Amino acid sequence: MLHPSESVEPQPFLPRVRMIWFFVVVSVVAAALAIIRMAEQWQTLVAALLFIAVFLGLLAMFSGACFVVAFLLGAMERAVAGQQEQPVNPFSDGSLPEQIIPPTAVEEN
């Protein structure tokens, strides 16, 4: 909690980006330009690399869609089943465990 004497620093409109991300973006752009330049000479290699990239992108989208469907089915099951039929933990009765070492009182100076 802030004291009345402390003030909150205003947030910038644009997020601050670390310098490492600039180098990552530059490296990705350089690799893309190299692939485009190689397309004139090694069209087969570039076609294979592009096919792999498209395949991985489609696979990621399909995996994401499957996750969303599974998540929605689980959320709907939880909403439909209600609180009574929620699975319970067979190893716990809902009480907190006893402490092994009892707490000791701390004297303040």
Protein backbone atom coordinates (compact mmCIF):
# COMPACT_ATOMS: atom_id res chain seq x y z
CA MET A 1 0.00 0.00 0.00
CA LEU A 2 1.34 3.43 -0.87
CA HIS A 3 1.98 6.08 1.71
CA PRO A 4 0.40 9.49 1.07
CA SER A 5 3.88 10.93 0.44
CA GLU A 6 4.60 8.43 -2.37
CA SER A 7 3.28 9.08 -5.84
CA VAL A 8 2.53 6.63 -8.61
CA GLU A 9 4.72 7.05 -11.67
CA PRO A 10 2.57 7.43 -14.81
CA GLN A 11 2.74 4.54 -17.26
CA PRO A 12 4.17 5.25 -20.73
CA PHE A 13 1.88 5.02 -23.75
CA LEU A 14 4.19 2.56 -25.50
CA PRO A 15 5.63 -0.43 -23.66
CA ARG A 16 9.35 -0.44 -23.03
CA VAL A 17 11.16 -3.00 -25.15
CA ARG A 18 14.48 -4.48 -24.14
CA MET A 19 17.38 -4.20 -26.59
CA ILE A 20 17.61 -7.99 -26.99
CA TRP A 21 14.27 -8.00 -28.84
CA PHE A 22 15.65 -5.53 -31.36
CA PHE A 23 18.45 -7.98 -32.15
CA VAL A 24 15.97 -10.87 -32.37
CA VAL A 25 13.82 -8.96 -34.87
CA VAL A 26 16.88 -7.93 -36.91
CA SER A 27 18.08 -11.56 -36.99
CA VAL A 28 14.67 -12.82 -38.14
CA VAL A 29 14.44 -10.18 -40.87
CA ALA A 30 18.00 -10.98 -42.02
CA ALA A 31 17.17 -14.69 -42.20
CA ALA A 32 13.98 -13.94 -44.18
CA LEU A 33 15.89 -11.73 -46.62
CA ALA A 34 18.55 -14.43 -47.02
CA ILE A 35 15.86 -17.01 -47.82
CA ILE A 36 14.30 -14.69 -50.40
CA ARG A 37 17.69 -14.02 -51.97
CA MET A 38 18.47 -17.74 -52.10
CA ALA A 39 15.18 -18.30 -53.91
CA GLU A 40 16.79 -17.16 -57.13
CA GLN A 41 19.53 -19.76 -56.88
CA TRP A 42 18.23 -22.61 -54.73
CA GLN A 43 14.52 -22.70 -55.36
CA THR A 44 14.12 -26.29 -54.18
CA LEU A 45 15.70 -25.61 -50.78
CA VAL A 46 13.63 -22.50 -50.30
CA ALA A 47 10.46 -24.31 -51.32
CA ALA A 48 11.23 -27.03 -48.74
CA LEU A 49 11.94 -24.47 -46.01
CA LEU A 50 8.75 -22.59 -46.78
CA PHE A 51 6.78 -25.86 -46.79
CA ILE A 52 8.21 -26.73 -43.38
CA ALA A 53 7.36 -23.27 -42.03
CA VAL A 54 3.80 -23.43 -43.37
CA PHE A 55 3.39 -26.98 -42.01
CA LEU A 56 4.61 -25.96 -38.55
CA GLY A 57 2.31 -22.92 -38.58
CA LEU A 58 -0.70 -25.03 -39.55
CA LEU A 59 0.22 -27.63 -36.93
CA ALA A 60 0.45 -24.92 -34.25
CA MET A 61 -2.93 -23.50 -35.26
CA PHE A 62 -4.52 -26.98 -35.26
CA SER A 63 -3.03 -27.75 -31.85
CA GLY A 64 -4.30 -24.44 -30.52
CA ALA A 65 -7.77 -25.12 -31.89
CA CYS A 66 -7.81 -28.58 -30.27
CA PHE A 67 -6.76 -27.03 -26.96
CA VAL A 68 -9.52 -24.42 -27.17
CA VAL A 69 -12.13 -27.10 -27.92
CA ALA A 70 -10.92 -29.26 -25.01
CA PHE A 71 -10.84 -26.27 -22.68
CA LEU A 72 -14.36 -25.20 -23.65
CA LEU A 73 -15.69 -28.74 -23.19
CA GLY A 74 -14.12 -28.90 -19.73
CA ALA A 75 -15.47 -25.47 -18.79
CA MET A 76 -18.96 -26.35 -20.01
CA GLU A 77 -18.88 -29.66 -18.12
CA ARG A 78 -17.93 -27.82 -14.95
CA ALA A 79 -20.71 -25.28 -15.49
CA VAL A 80 -23.35 -27.92 -16.26
CA ALA A 81 -22.36 -30.34 -13.47
CA GLY A 82 -22.59 -27.68 -10.79
CA GLN A 83 -20.80 -27.59 -7.47
CA GLN A 84 -22.34 -30.81 -6.06
CA GLU A 85 -20.82 -33.17 -8.59
CA GLN A 86 -17.33 -31.70 -8.62
CA PRO A 87 -14.62 -34.31 -8.12
CA VAL A 88 -13.15 -34.33 -4.63
CA ASN A 89 -9.69 -35.22 -3.42
CA PRO A 90 -9.77 -38.74 -1.90
CA PHE A 91 -6.63 -38.00 0.14
CA SER A 92 -7.91 -34.91 1.94
CA ASP A 93 -10.85 -34.27 4.23
CA GLY A 94 -10.66 -30.48 3.87
CA SER A 95 -8.86 -29.77 7.16
CA LEU A 96 -5.39 -28.29 7.42
CA PRO A 97 -2.57 -30.53 8.67
CA GLU A 98 -1.12 -30.20 12.16
CA GLN A 99 2.20 -28.39 12.37
CA ILE A 100 5.20 -30.55 13.18
CA ILE A 101 6.96 -27.80 15.11
CA PRO A 102 4.61 -25.53 17.02
CA PRO A 103 5.13 -21.81 16.39
CA THR A 104 6.96 -19.83 19.04
CA ALA A 105 6.04 -16.36 20.18
CA VAL A 106 8.36 -13.58 19.00
CA GLU A 107 9.00 -10.78 21.46
CA GLU A 108 9.14 -7.29 19.99
CA ASN A 109 11.68 -4.81 21.37
